[in-house]
N, C-alpha and C. Protein backbone atom coordinates (compact mmCIF):
# COMPACT_ATOMS: atom_id res chain seq x y z
N MET A 1 43.20 -8.41 69.13
CA MET A 1 42.09 -7.45 69.04
C MET A 1 41.91 -6.67 70.34
N GLY A 2 42.56 -7.12 71.41
CA GLY A 2 42.43 -6.43 72.67
C GLY A 2 41.14 -6.75 73.42
N TRP A 3 40.43 -7.81 73.02
CA TRP A 3 39.20 -8.20 73.71
C TRP A 3 39.53 -9.03 74.93
N ASP A 4 38.84 -8.76 76.03
CA ASP A 4 39.03 -9.50 77.27
C ASP A 4 37.86 -10.49 77.41
N GLU A 5 38.06 -11.71 76.93
CA GLU A 5 36.98 -12.70 76.83
C GLU A 5 36.80 -13.48 78.13
N ILE A 6 35.54 -13.72 78.48
CA ILE A 6 35.22 -14.59 79.61
C ILE A 6 35.23 -16.03 79.12
N ARG A 7 35.88 -16.92 79.87
CA ARG A 7 36.06 -18.29 79.41
C ARG A 7 35.53 -19.35 80.36
N ASP A 8 35.04 -18.97 81.53
CA ASP A 8 34.48 -19.97 82.43
C ASP A 8 33.41 -19.36 83.32
N ALA A 9 32.60 -20.23 83.95
CA ALA A 9 31.47 -19.79 84.75
C ALA A 9 31.92 -19.01 85.99
N GLU A 10 33.07 -19.38 86.55
CA GLU A 10 33.56 -18.69 87.74
C GLU A 10 33.86 -17.23 87.43
N GLU A 11 34.45 -16.98 86.27
CA GLU A 11 34.75 -15.61 85.87
C GLU A 11 33.47 -14.82 85.64
N LEU A 12 32.47 -15.48 85.07
CA LEU A 12 31.18 -14.83 84.84
C LEU A 12 30.53 -14.44 86.16
N THR A 13 30.57 -15.36 87.14
CA THR A 13 30.00 -15.08 88.45
C THR A 13 30.76 -13.94 89.14
N ALA A 14 32.06 -13.93 88.98
CA ALA A 14 32.86 -12.87 89.58
C ALA A 14 32.49 -11.50 89.02
N LEU A 15 32.11 -11.47 87.75
CA LEU A 15 31.74 -10.20 87.10
C LEU A 15 30.37 -9.71 87.56
N PHE A 16 29.39 -10.63 87.66
CA PHE A 16 28.02 -10.24 87.95
C PHE A 16 27.64 -10.38 89.42
N GLY A 17 28.29 -11.29 90.14
CA GLY A 17 27.85 -11.59 91.48
C GLY A 17 26.83 -12.71 91.49
N THR A 18 26.28 -13.02 92.64
CA THR A 18 25.31 -14.11 92.76
C THR A 18 23.89 -13.55 92.79
N PRO A 19 22.90 -14.30 92.27
CA PRO A 19 21.53 -13.79 92.24
C PRO A 19 20.91 -13.71 93.63
N SER A 20 19.92 -12.84 93.76
CA SER A 20 19.16 -12.74 95.01
C SER A 20 18.34 -14.00 95.22
N TYR A 21 17.75 -14.14 96.39
CA TYR A 21 16.91 -15.31 96.67
C TYR A 21 15.76 -15.38 95.68
N ARG A 22 15.11 -14.23 95.42
CA ARG A 22 13.96 -14.23 94.51
C ARG A 22 14.37 -14.64 93.11
N ALA A 23 15.50 -14.12 92.63
CA ALA A 23 15.96 -14.46 91.28
C ALA A 23 16.36 -15.92 91.18
N ALA A 24 16.99 -16.43 92.22
CA ALA A 24 17.50 -17.80 92.18
C ALA A 24 16.41 -18.84 92.36
N ASN A 25 15.28 -18.44 92.95
CA ASN A 25 14.27 -19.43 93.32
C ASN A 25 12.91 -19.19 92.67
N LYS A 26 12.86 -18.38 91.62
CA LYS A 26 11.57 -18.04 91.05
C LYS A 26 11.05 -19.06 90.04
N ASP A 27 11.90 -19.95 89.54
CA ASP A 27 11.42 -20.90 88.54
C ASP A 27 10.63 -22.03 89.18
N ARG A 28 9.61 -22.47 88.42
CA ARG A 28 8.69 -23.53 88.87
C ARG A 28 8.61 -24.60 87.79
N THR A 29 8.03 -25.74 88.13
CA THR A 29 7.92 -26.85 87.18
C THR A 29 6.49 -27.09 86.71
N VAL A 30 5.54 -26.40 87.31
CA VAL A 30 4.14 -26.49 86.87
C VAL A 30 3.57 -25.09 86.75
N LEU A 31 2.52 -24.94 85.95
CA LEU A 31 1.89 -23.65 85.74
C LEU A 31 1.06 -23.24 86.95
N HIS A 32 1.29 -22.05 87.43
CA HIS A 32 0.47 -21.42 88.46
C HIS A 32 -0.76 -20.83 87.77
N PRO A 33 -1.88 -20.65 88.47
CA PRO A 33 -3.04 -20.01 87.83
C PRO A 33 -2.72 -18.65 87.20
N LEU A 34 -1.77 -17.91 87.77
CA LEU A 34 -1.40 -16.63 87.16
C LEU A 34 -0.63 -16.84 85.86
N ASP A 35 0.12 -17.93 85.75
CA ASP A 35 0.76 -18.27 84.47
C ASP A 35 -0.31 -18.53 83.41
N VAL A 36 -1.32 -19.29 83.79
CA VAL A 36 -2.40 -19.62 82.86
C VAL A 36 -3.12 -18.34 82.41
N GLN A 37 -3.35 -17.43 83.36
CA GLN A 37 -3.99 -16.16 83.02
C GLN A 37 -3.11 -15.35 82.05
N TRP A 38 -1.81 -15.34 82.31
CA TRP A 38 -0.88 -14.61 81.43
C TRP A 38 -0.93 -15.18 80.01
N LEU A 39 -0.88 -16.50 79.92
CA LEU A 39 -0.90 -17.15 78.60
C LEU A 39 -2.19 -16.82 77.85
N ALA A 40 -3.29 -16.72 78.57
CA ALA A 40 -4.57 -16.39 77.93
C ALA A 40 -4.59 -14.96 77.42
N GLU A 41 -3.79 -14.08 78.03
CA GLU A 41 -3.77 -12.67 77.63
C GLU A 41 -2.64 -12.33 76.68
N SER A 42 -1.78 -13.30 76.39
CA SER A 42 -0.60 -13.03 75.54
C SER A 42 -0.92 -13.25 74.07
N PRO A 43 -0.69 -12.23 73.22
CA PRO A 43 -0.90 -12.40 71.77
C PRO A 43 0.38 -12.67 70.99
N PHE A 44 1.52 -12.74 71.71
CA PHE A 44 2.79 -12.80 70.99
C PHE A 44 3.84 -13.52 71.84
N CYS A 45 4.66 -14.33 71.16
CA CYS A 45 5.76 -14.99 71.86
C CYS A 45 6.94 -15.17 70.92
N LEU A 46 8.09 -15.41 71.50
CA LEU A 46 9.30 -15.76 70.77
C LEU A 46 9.72 -17.16 71.18
N ILE A 47 9.93 -18.04 70.20
CA ILE A 47 10.27 -19.43 70.47
C ILE A 47 11.71 -19.68 70.04
N GLY A 48 12.54 -20.07 70.99
CA GLY A 48 13.93 -20.39 70.72
C GLY A 48 14.11 -21.90 70.58
N THR A 49 14.83 -22.30 69.55
CA THR A 49 15.12 -23.71 69.30
C THR A 49 16.60 -23.84 68.93
N ALA A 50 17.08 -25.07 68.90
CA ALA A 50 18.45 -25.35 68.45
C ALA A 50 18.46 -26.69 67.75
N ASP A 51 19.34 -26.83 66.75
CA ASP A 51 19.44 -28.11 66.06
C ASP A 51 20.35 -29.06 66.84
N ASP A 52 20.63 -30.20 66.28
CA ASP A 52 21.41 -31.21 67.00
C ASP A 52 22.88 -30.83 67.13
N ALA A 53 23.30 -29.76 66.45
CA ALA A 53 24.67 -29.25 66.60
C ALA A 53 24.72 -28.02 67.50
N GLY A 54 23.55 -27.61 68.03
CA GLY A 54 23.51 -26.46 68.92
C GLY A 54 23.30 -25.12 68.24
N ARG A 55 23.12 -25.11 66.92
CA ARG A 55 22.88 -23.85 66.21
C ARG A 55 21.44 -23.41 66.45
N CYS A 56 21.27 -22.15 66.79
CA CYS A 56 20.00 -21.68 67.34
C CYS A 56 19.16 -20.89 66.33
N ASP A 57 17.88 -20.80 66.65
CA ASP A 57 16.93 -20.03 65.86
C ASP A 57 15.87 -19.49 66.83
N VAL A 58 15.40 -18.29 66.57
CA VAL A 58 14.30 -17.72 67.35
C VAL A 58 13.22 -17.28 66.38
N SER A 59 11.99 -17.74 66.62
CA SER A 59 10.89 -17.46 65.70
C SER A 59 9.74 -16.77 66.44
N PRO A 60 9.20 -15.68 65.90
CA PRO A 60 8.04 -15.02 66.51
C PRO A 60 6.74 -15.72 66.12
N LYS A 61 5.81 -15.76 67.06
CA LYS A 61 4.47 -16.29 66.80
C LYS A 61 3.45 -15.31 67.38
N GLY A 62 2.38 -15.08 66.64
CA GLY A 62 1.38 -14.15 67.11
C GLY A 62 -0.02 -14.52 66.66
N ASP A 63 -0.98 -14.26 67.52
CA ASP A 63 -2.40 -14.49 67.27
C ASP A 63 -3.18 -13.61 68.24
N PRO A 64 -4.49 -13.46 68.04
CA PRO A 64 -5.26 -12.75 69.05
C PRO A 64 -5.09 -13.42 70.42
N ALA A 65 -5.04 -12.61 71.45
CA ALA A 65 -4.93 -13.17 72.80
C ALA A 65 -6.04 -14.19 73.03
N GLY A 66 -5.67 -15.32 73.58
CA GLY A 66 -6.63 -16.40 73.81
C GLY A 66 -6.61 -17.46 72.74
N GLN A 67 -6.03 -17.13 71.56
CA GLN A 67 -5.97 -18.09 70.46
C GLN A 67 -4.56 -18.56 70.17
N LEU A 68 -3.57 -17.87 70.70
CA LEU A 68 -2.18 -18.25 70.45
C LEU A 68 -1.80 -19.50 71.24
N VAL A 69 -2.22 -19.54 72.50
CA VAL A 69 -1.81 -20.62 73.41
C VAL A 69 -3.04 -21.33 73.95
N HIS A 70 -2.98 -22.65 73.98
CA HIS A 70 -4.02 -23.46 74.59
C HIS A 70 -3.38 -24.24 75.74
N VAL A 71 -3.88 -24.04 76.95
CA VAL A 71 -3.36 -24.75 78.11
C VAL A 71 -4.10 -26.07 78.25
N LEU A 72 -3.36 -27.16 78.12
CA LEU A 72 -3.96 -28.50 78.21
C LEU A 72 -4.06 -28.96 79.66
N ASP A 73 -3.04 -28.66 80.45
CA ASP A 73 -3.05 -28.92 81.89
C ASP A 73 -1.92 -28.12 82.49
N ASP A 74 -1.65 -28.31 83.79
CA ASP A 74 -0.67 -27.45 84.44
C ASP A 74 0.78 -27.82 84.10
N LYS A 75 0.96 -28.76 83.18
CA LYS A 75 2.30 -29.13 82.72
C LYS A 75 2.43 -29.09 81.20
N THR A 76 1.34 -28.72 80.49
CA THR A 76 1.36 -28.86 79.04
C THR A 76 0.63 -27.70 78.36
N ILE A 77 1.28 -27.09 77.37
CA ILE A 77 0.65 -26.04 76.58
C ILE A 77 0.83 -26.36 75.10
N ALA A 78 -0.03 -25.76 74.29
CA ALA A 78 0.07 -25.89 72.84
C ALA A 78 0.07 -24.50 72.21
N ILE A 79 0.95 -24.28 71.25
CA ILE A 79 1.06 -23.00 70.55
C ILE A 79 0.71 -23.21 69.09
N ALA A 80 -0.20 -22.40 68.58
CA ALA A 80 -0.70 -22.56 67.22
C ALA A 80 0.30 -22.09 66.18
N GLU A 81 0.34 -22.82 65.07
CA GLU A 81 1.11 -22.39 63.89
C GLU A 81 0.13 -22.07 62.77
N ARG A 82 0.31 -20.91 62.15
CA ARG A 82 -0.54 -20.44 61.06
C ARG A 82 0.26 -20.39 59.76
N PRO A 83 -0.38 -20.06 58.63
CA PRO A 83 0.36 -19.97 57.37
C PRO A 83 1.51 -18.98 57.45
N GLY A 84 2.67 -19.37 56.91
CA GLY A 84 3.85 -18.52 56.95
C GLY A 84 4.69 -18.69 55.71
N ASN A 85 6.01 -18.55 55.87
CA ASN A 85 6.89 -18.60 54.71
C ASN A 85 7.33 -20.01 54.32
N LYS A 86 6.90 -21.00 55.08
CA LYS A 86 7.13 -22.42 54.78
C LYS A 86 8.59 -22.87 54.98
N ARG A 87 9.41 -22.04 55.60
CA ARG A 87 10.79 -22.46 55.89
C ARG A 87 10.83 -23.48 57.03
N MET A 88 10.05 -23.22 58.08
CA MET A 88 9.93 -24.14 59.21
C MET A 88 11.26 -24.40 59.91
N ASP A 89 12.11 -23.38 60.01
CA ASP A 89 13.42 -23.55 60.61
C ASP A 89 13.33 -24.09 62.04
N GLY A 90 12.49 -23.45 62.85
CA GLY A 90 12.38 -23.88 64.24
C GLY A 90 11.80 -25.26 64.38
N TYR A 91 10.83 -25.60 63.55
CA TYR A 91 10.21 -26.92 63.65
C TYR A 91 11.16 -28.01 63.18
N ARG A 92 11.98 -27.72 62.19
CA ARG A 92 13.00 -28.68 61.79
C ARG A 92 13.98 -28.92 62.95
N ASN A 93 14.28 -27.84 63.67
CA ASN A 93 15.14 -28.00 64.85
C ASN A 93 14.50 -28.90 65.90
N VAL A 94 13.20 -28.71 66.13
CA VAL A 94 12.51 -29.52 67.14
C VAL A 94 12.58 -31.01 66.81
N LEU A 95 12.52 -31.32 65.52
CA LEU A 95 12.62 -32.73 65.12
C LEU A 95 14.01 -33.31 65.43
N LEU A 96 15.01 -32.45 65.46
CA LEU A 96 16.37 -32.89 65.75
C LEU A 96 16.71 -32.79 67.24
N ASN A 97 16.13 -31.79 67.90
CA ASN A 97 16.48 -31.48 69.29
C ASN A 97 15.21 -30.96 69.96
N PRO A 98 14.42 -31.84 70.58
CA PRO A 98 13.06 -31.50 71.00
C PRO A 98 12.96 -30.71 72.30
N PHE A 99 13.62 -29.55 72.33
CA PHE A 99 13.53 -28.67 73.48
C PHE A 99 13.38 -27.24 72.99
N VAL A 100 12.61 -26.44 73.73
CA VAL A 100 12.37 -25.06 73.33
C VAL A 100 12.45 -24.14 74.55
N GLY A 101 12.76 -22.87 74.27
CA GLY A 101 12.67 -21.81 75.25
C GLY A 101 11.76 -20.73 74.69
N ILE A 102 10.75 -20.32 75.46
CA ILE A 102 9.72 -19.41 74.93
C ILE A 102 9.55 -18.23 75.88
N ASN A 103 9.38 -17.05 75.30
CA ASN A 103 9.11 -15.83 76.06
C ASN A 103 7.77 -15.27 75.60
N PHE A 104 6.81 -15.16 76.52
CA PHE A 104 5.47 -14.68 76.21
C PHE A 104 5.31 -13.22 76.65
N PHE A 105 4.75 -12.40 75.74
CA PHE A 105 4.63 -10.97 75.96
C PHE A 105 3.16 -10.56 76.08
N ILE A 106 2.92 -9.52 76.87
CA ILE A 106 1.65 -8.80 76.88
C ILE A 106 1.98 -7.35 76.56
N PRO A 107 1.44 -6.78 75.48
CA PRO A 107 1.79 -5.41 75.09
C PRO A 107 1.59 -4.43 76.24
N GLY A 108 2.60 -3.59 76.43
CA GLY A 108 2.55 -2.60 77.49
C GLY A 108 3.14 -3.07 78.80
N ARG A 109 3.33 -4.37 78.96
CA ARG A 109 3.92 -4.91 80.17
C ARG A 109 5.42 -5.10 79.96
N GLY A 110 6.20 -4.74 80.97
CA GLY A 110 7.63 -4.93 80.90
C GLY A 110 8.06 -6.32 81.32
N ASP A 111 7.30 -6.93 82.23
CA ASP A 111 7.63 -8.29 82.63
C ASP A 111 7.13 -9.26 81.58
N THR A 112 7.76 -10.41 81.48
CA THR A 112 7.38 -11.44 80.52
C THR A 112 7.33 -12.78 81.23
N LEU A 113 6.74 -13.76 80.58
CA LEU A 113 6.66 -15.12 81.12
C LEU A 113 7.52 -16.04 80.27
N ARG A 114 8.45 -16.72 80.91
CA ARG A 114 9.34 -17.64 80.20
C ARG A 114 8.96 -19.08 80.52
N VAL A 115 8.90 -19.87 79.45
CA VAL A 115 8.58 -21.30 79.57
C VAL A 115 9.63 -22.10 78.81
N ASN A 116 10.23 -23.07 79.47
CA ASN A 116 11.21 -23.96 78.83
C ASN A 116 10.75 -25.40 79.01
N GLY A 117 11.01 -26.22 78.01
CA GLY A 117 10.63 -27.62 78.15
C GLY A 117 10.78 -28.42 76.87
N GLY A 118 10.36 -29.65 76.94
CA GLY A 118 10.37 -30.53 75.78
C GLY A 118 9.23 -30.21 74.84
N ALA A 119 9.44 -30.49 73.55
CA ALA A 119 8.45 -30.08 72.55
C ALA A 119 8.16 -31.18 71.56
N ARG A 120 6.92 -31.17 71.05
CA ARG A 120 6.47 -32.11 70.02
C ARG A 120 5.67 -31.33 68.98
N LEU A 121 5.66 -31.84 67.75
CA LEU A 121 4.85 -31.25 66.68
C LEU A 121 3.62 -32.11 66.49
N ILE A 122 2.45 -31.51 66.67
CA ILE A 122 1.18 -32.23 66.55
C ILE A 122 0.41 -31.65 65.36
N LYS A 123 0.08 -32.51 64.39
CA LYS A 123 -0.59 -31.99 63.19
C LYS A 123 -2.10 -32.02 63.27
N ASP A 124 -2.66 -32.67 64.29
CA ASP A 124 -4.11 -32.60 64.49
C ASP A 124 -4.44 -33.14 65.88
N ALA A 125 -5.45 -32.55 66.49
CA ALA A 125 -5.95 -32.99 67.79
C ALA A 125 -7.29 -32.30 68.01
N PRO A 126 -8.16 -32.86 68.86
CA PRO A 126 -9.46 -32.24 69.09
C PRO A 126 -9.39 -30.79 69.55
N PHE A 127 -8.35 -30.42 70.32
CA PHE A 127 -8.28 -29.05 70.84
C PHE A 127 -8.00 -28.02 69.76
N PHE A 128 -7.62 -28.45 68.54
CA PHE A 128 -7.41 -27.50 67.45
C PHE A 128 -8.68 -26.68 67.20
N ASP A 129 -9.85 -27.28 67.41
CA ASP A 129 -11.10 -26.56 67.18
C ASP A 129 -11.25 -25.35 68.10
N GLU A 130 -10.62 -25.41 69.28
CA GLU A 130 -10.69 -24.31 70.23
C GLU A 130 -9.70 -23.20 69.90
N MET A 131 -8.87 -23.40 68.90
CA MET A 131 -7.85 -22.42 68.55
C MET A 131 -8.10 -21.80 67.18
N LYS A 132 -9.32 -21.91 66.69
CA LYS A 132 -9.66 -21.32 65.39
C LYS A 132 -9.56 -19.81 65.45
N VAL A 133 -9.09 -19.22 64.34
CA VAL A 133 -9.11 -17.78 64.15
C VAL A 133 -9.71 -17.52 62.77
N LYS A 134 -10.77 -16.72 62.74
CA LYS A 134 -11.47 -16.43 61.49
C LYS A 134 -11.87 -17.72 60.77
N GLY A 135 -12.25 -18.73 61.55
CA GLY A 135 -12.70 -20.00 60.99
C GLY A 135 -11.60 -20.97 60.63
N HIS A 136 -10.35 -20.60 60.82
CA HIS A 136 -9.23 -21.44 60.41
C HIS A 136 -8.58 -22.11 61.61
N ARG A 137 -8.45 -23.45 61.56
CA ARG A 137 -7.73 -24.19 62.59
C ARG A 137 -6.23 -24.02 62.38
N PRO A 138 -5.42 -24.25 63.41
CA PRO A 138 -3.97 -24.22 63.20
C PRO A 138 -3.52 -25.26 62.18
N ILE A 139 -2.42 -24.97 61.50
CA ILE A 139 -1.82 -25.97 60.60
C ILE A 139 -1.22 -27.10 61.42
N LEU A 140 -0.55 -26.72 62.50
CA LEU A 140 -0.05 -27.67 63.48
C LEU A 140 0.05 -26.94 64.80
N CYS A 141 0.37 -27.67 65.86
CA CYS A 141 0.63 -27.05 67.15
C CYS A 141 1.94 -27.56 67.71
N LEU A 142 2.67 -26.66 68.31
CA LEU A 142 3.85 -27.03 69.07
C LEU A 142 3.38 -27.30 70.49
N VAL A 143 3.43 -28.55 70.90
CA VAL A 143 3.02 -28.92 72.25
C VAL A 143 4.27 -28.98 73.13
N VAL A 144 4.22 -28.24 74.23
CA VAL A 144 5.37 -28.10 75.11
C VAL A 144 5.06 -28.72 76.46
N ASP A 145 5.92 -29.63 76.88
CA ASP A 145 5.84 -30.21 78.22
C ASP A 145 6.68 -29.34 79.15
N VAL A 146 6.02 -28.60 80.01
CA VAL A 146 6.68 -27.58 80.83
C VAL A 146 7.67 -28.22 81.80
N GLU A 147 8.91 -27.75 81.73
CA GLU A 147 9.93 -28.17 82.69
C GLU A 147 10.35 -27.02 83.60
N GLN A 148 10.22 -25.79 83.08
CA GLN A 148 10.62 -24.62 83.85
C GLN A 148 9.76 -23.45 83.41
N VAL A 149 9.21 -22.71 84.38
CA VAL A 149 8.40 -21.53 84.07
C VAL A 149 8.68 -20.47 85.13
N PHE A 150 8.83 -19.22 84.68
CA PHE A 150 9.03 -18.13 85.64
C PHE A 150 8.79 -16.80 84.96
N PHE A 151 8.48 -15.80 85.78
CA PHE A 151 8.32 -14.44 85.29
C PHE A 151 9.67 -13.75 85.25
N HIS A 152 9.89 -13.00 84.16
CA HIS A 152 11.15 -12.29 83.96
C HIS A 152 10.92 -10.80 84.18
N CYS A 153 11.88 -10.14 84.80
CA CYS A 153 11.71 -8.74 85.19
C CYS A 153 11.67 -7.80 83.98
N ALA A 154 11.32 -6.54 84.26
CA ALA A 154 11.02 -5.57 83.20
C ALA A 154 12.21 -4.71 82.80
N LYS A 155 13.40 -4.96 83.33
CA LYS A 155 14.50 -4.02 83.13
C LYS A 155 14.84 -3.79 81.65
N ALA A 156 14.81 -4.86 80.84
CA ALA A 156 15.15 -4.70 79.42
C ALA A 156 14.16 -3.77 78.71
N PHE A 157 12.88 -3.89 79.07
CA PHE A 157 11.86 -3.05 78.44
C PHE A 157 11.98 -1.61 78.94
N MET A 158 12.34 -1.45 80.21
CA MET A 158 12.51 -0.11 80.75
C MET A 158 13.71 0.58 80.09
N ARG A 159 14.80 -0.17 79.91
CA ARG A 159 15.99 0.41 79.28
C ARG A 159 15.73 0.77 77.82
N SER A 160 15.02 -0.10 77.12
CA SER A 160 14.78 0.12 75.69
C SER A 160 13.64 1.07 75.42
N ARG A 161 12.76 1.28 76.43
CA ARG A 161 11.55 2.11 76.28
C ARG A 161 10.67 1.57 75.16
N LEU A 162 10.63 0.26 75.04
CA LEU A 162 9.98 -0.38 73.90
C LEU A 162 8.51 -0.03 73.76
N TRP A 163 7.79 0.06 74.86
CA TRP A 163 6.35 0.29 74.77
C TRP A 163 5.97 1.77 74.80
N GLU A 164 6.93 2.67 74.77
CA GLU A 164 6.64 4.10 74.84
C GLU A 164 6.48 4.66 73.43
N PRO A 165 5.24 4.98 73.02
CA PRO A 165 5.00 5.41 71.63
C PRO A 165 5.86 6.59 71.17
N GLU A 166 6.22 7.47 72.11
CA GLU A 166 7.01 8.63 71.70
C GLU A 166 8.41 8.24 71.23
N THR A 167 8.83 7.01 71.51
CA THR A 167 10.14 6.55 71.03
C THR A 167 10.04 5.83 69.68
N TRP A 168 8.84 5.60 69.21
CA TRP A 168 8.66 4.81 67.99
C TRP A 168 8.92 5.65 66.74
N ASP A 169 9.60 5.08 65.79
CA ASP A 169 9.82 5.73 64.49
C ASP A 169 9.98 4.65 63.43
N PRO A 170 8.87 4.06 62.96
CA PRO A 170 8.95 2.98 61.97
C PRO A 170 9.69 3.39 60.71
N ALA A 171 9.69 4.68 60.38
CA ALA A 171 10.32 5.15 59.14
C ALA A 171 11.84 5.22 59.25
N VAL A 172 12.40 4.86 60.39
CA VAL A 172 13.86 4.89 60.54
C VAL A 172 14.53 3.89 59.59
N MET A 173 13.78 2.88 59.15
CA MET A 173 14.27 1.91 58.18
C MET A 173 13.40 1.95 56.94
N PRO A 174 13.91 1.51 55.78
CA PRO A 174 13.09 1.43 54.58
C PRO A 174 11.92 0.46 54.77
N THR A 175 10.99 0.47 53.84
CA THR A 175 9.87 -0.46 53.90
C THR A 175 10.37 -1.90 53.77
N VAL A 176 9.53 -2.84 54.21
CA VAL A 176 9.92 -4.25 54.10
C VAL A 176 10.15 -4.64 52.64
N ALA A 177 9.38 -4.06 51.74
CA ALA A 177 9.58 -4.35 50.32
C ALA A 177 10.96 -3.84 49.85
N ALA A 178 11.32 -2.63 50.27
CA ALA A 178 12.61 -2.06 49.86
C ALA A 178 13.77 -2.85 50.46
N ILE A 179 13.62 -3.29 51.71
CA ILE A 179 14.66 -4.10 52.33
C ILE A 179 14.80 -5.43 51.59
N THR A 180 13.66 -6.05 51.27
CA THR A 180 13.68 -7.33 50.56
C THR A 180 14.42 -7.21 49.24
N LYS A 181 14.12 -6.15 48.49
CA LYS A 181 14.77 -5.97 47.18
C LYS A 181 16.27 -5.67 47.35
N ALA A 182 16.62 -4.95 48.41
CA ALA A 182 18.02 -4.59 48.62
C ALA A 182 18.87 -5.80 49.00
N VAL A 183 18.34 -6.66 49.87
CA VAL A 183 19.14 -7.80 50.34
C VAL A 183 19.01 -9.00 49.41
N MET A 184 18.00 -8.99 48.53
CA MET A 184 17.81 -10.06 47.55
C MET A 184 17.65 -9.44 46.16
N PRO A 185 18.71 -8.84 45.62
CA PRO A 185 18.58 -8.12 44.35
C PRO A 185 18.19 -9.01 43.18
N ASN A 186 18.42 -10.32 43.30
CA ASN A 186 18.06 -11.23 42.21
C ASN A 186 16.63 -11.76 42.31
N SER A 187 15.89 -11.31 43.31
CA SER A 187 14.49 -11.70 43.41
C SER A 187 13.74 -11.25 42.15
N PRO A 188 12.90 -12.12 41.57
CA PRO A 188 12.28 -11.78 40.29
C PRO A 188 11.26 -10.65 40.37
N GLU A 189 10.73 -10.34 41.56
CA GLU A 189 9.74 -9.27 41.67
C GLU A 189 10.40 -7.90 41.59
N THR A 190 9.70 -6.98 40.99
CA THR A 190 10.14 -5.58 41.00
C THR A 190 9.82 -4.99 42.37
N LEU A 191 10.41 -3.84 42.67
CA LEU A 191 10.11 -3.17 43.93
C LEU A 191 8.62 -2.83 44.00
N ALA A 192 8.05 -2.39 42.90
CA ALA A 192 6.63 -2.05 42.89
C ALA A 192 5.77 -3.28 43.19
N GLU A 193 6.14 -4.42 42.63
CA GLU A 193 5.40 -5.65 42.89
C GLU A 193 5.51 -6.07 44.36
N LEU A 194 6.70 -5.87 44.93
CA LEU A 194 6.88 -6.21 46.34
C LEU A 194 6.09 -5.26 47.24
N GLU A 195 6.06 -3.98 46.89
CA GLU A 195 5.26 -3.03 47.66
C GLU A 195 3.78 -3.41 47.63
N GLN A 196 3.32 -3.88 46.48
CA GLN A 196 1.93 -4.32 46.37
C GLN A 196 1.70 -5.57 47.20
N TYR A 197 2.65 -6.51 47.15
CA TYR A 197 2.52 -7.76 47.91
C TYR A 197 2.41 -7.48 49.40
N TYR A 198 3.24 -6.57 49.90
CA TYR A 198 3.23 -6.27 51.33
C TYR A 198 2.23 -5.17 51.70
N GLY A 199 1.36 -4.85 50.78
CA GLY A 199 0.35 -3.82 51.01
C GLY A 199 -0.86 -4.34 51.78
N PRO A 200 -2.02 -3.69 51.62
CA PRO A 200 -3.21 -4.05 52.39
C PRO A 200 -3.65 -5.51 52.25
N SER A 201 -3.40 -6.12 51.09
CA SER A 201 -3.84 -7.50 50.89
C SER A 201 -3.04 -8.49 51.73
N TYR A 202 -1.85 -8.07 52.17
CA TYR A 202 -0.99 -8.95 52.97
C TYR A 202 -1.70 -9.39 54.25
N GLU A 203 -2.34 -8.45 54.92
CA GLU A 203 -3.04 -8.76 56.16
C GLU A 203 -4.26 -9.64 55.92
N LYS A 204 -4.90 -9.48 54.77
CA LYS A 204 -6.10 -10.28 54.49
C LYS A 204 -5.78 -11.76 54.33
N GLN A 205 -4.51 -12.10 54.06
CA GLN A 205 -4.12 -13.49 53.80
C GLN A 205 -3.50 -14.17 55.03
N LEU A 206 -3.57 -13.55 56.19
CA LEU A 206 -2.85 -14.04 57.36
C LEU A 206 -3.23 -15.47 57.74
N TYR A 207 -4.48 -15.84 57.54
CA TYR A 207 -4.93 -17.17 57.97
C TYR A 207 -5.29 -18.08 56.81
N GLN A 208 -4.92 -17.67 55.59
CA GLN A 208 -5.23 -18.45 54.42
C GLN A 208 -3.97 -19.13 53.91
N ARG A 209 -4.04 -20.43 53.70
CA ARG A 209 -2.87 -21.18 53.22
C ARG A 209 -2.67 -20.89 51.74
N GLN A 210 -1.42 -20.59 51.39
CA GLN A 210 -1.09 -20.26 49.99
C GLN A 210 -0.57 -21.48 49.26
């Protein structure tokens, strides 16, 4: 195929060079007060998991800022799980391989906060009451024992122009209903039924278990 594949770490280092002092030494093992402040202001994160064979999954989680993450102490955080599609791919991975990598976002900010560590699934605890949204407690929480935390630079967001509204064009792709019908043609719902399902009532059911 003519591809020039990298096969070892030395070749990778030769291609990129070595990190600066700041890049090499920015990770920490406990939460700084600014980390705690960031987590309180973050309404969205991506959680990376892997099964016992190393096959990976990344799952988005979102809630109003202040309700997504609960900081238990400077080494422990909890992330709320709300009603979803019931696949639980990432959580099944955690049961097999209890480690996660998480990236926390604040809209409009190019920098992000990364947290890596061991994970547990907790189905009830007193702190669930502090994570209610619209009167609903989390279904479960992913509790993460922080092993590594650091801020990640903004270059990817600057290159992608992700937060610049003038670059946004949601209509570049078909509606979610149309995509669903196209990739799952044997789904029993008609396109019209799917459009109705993903319509205004979809948002009203965000915190209600189906």
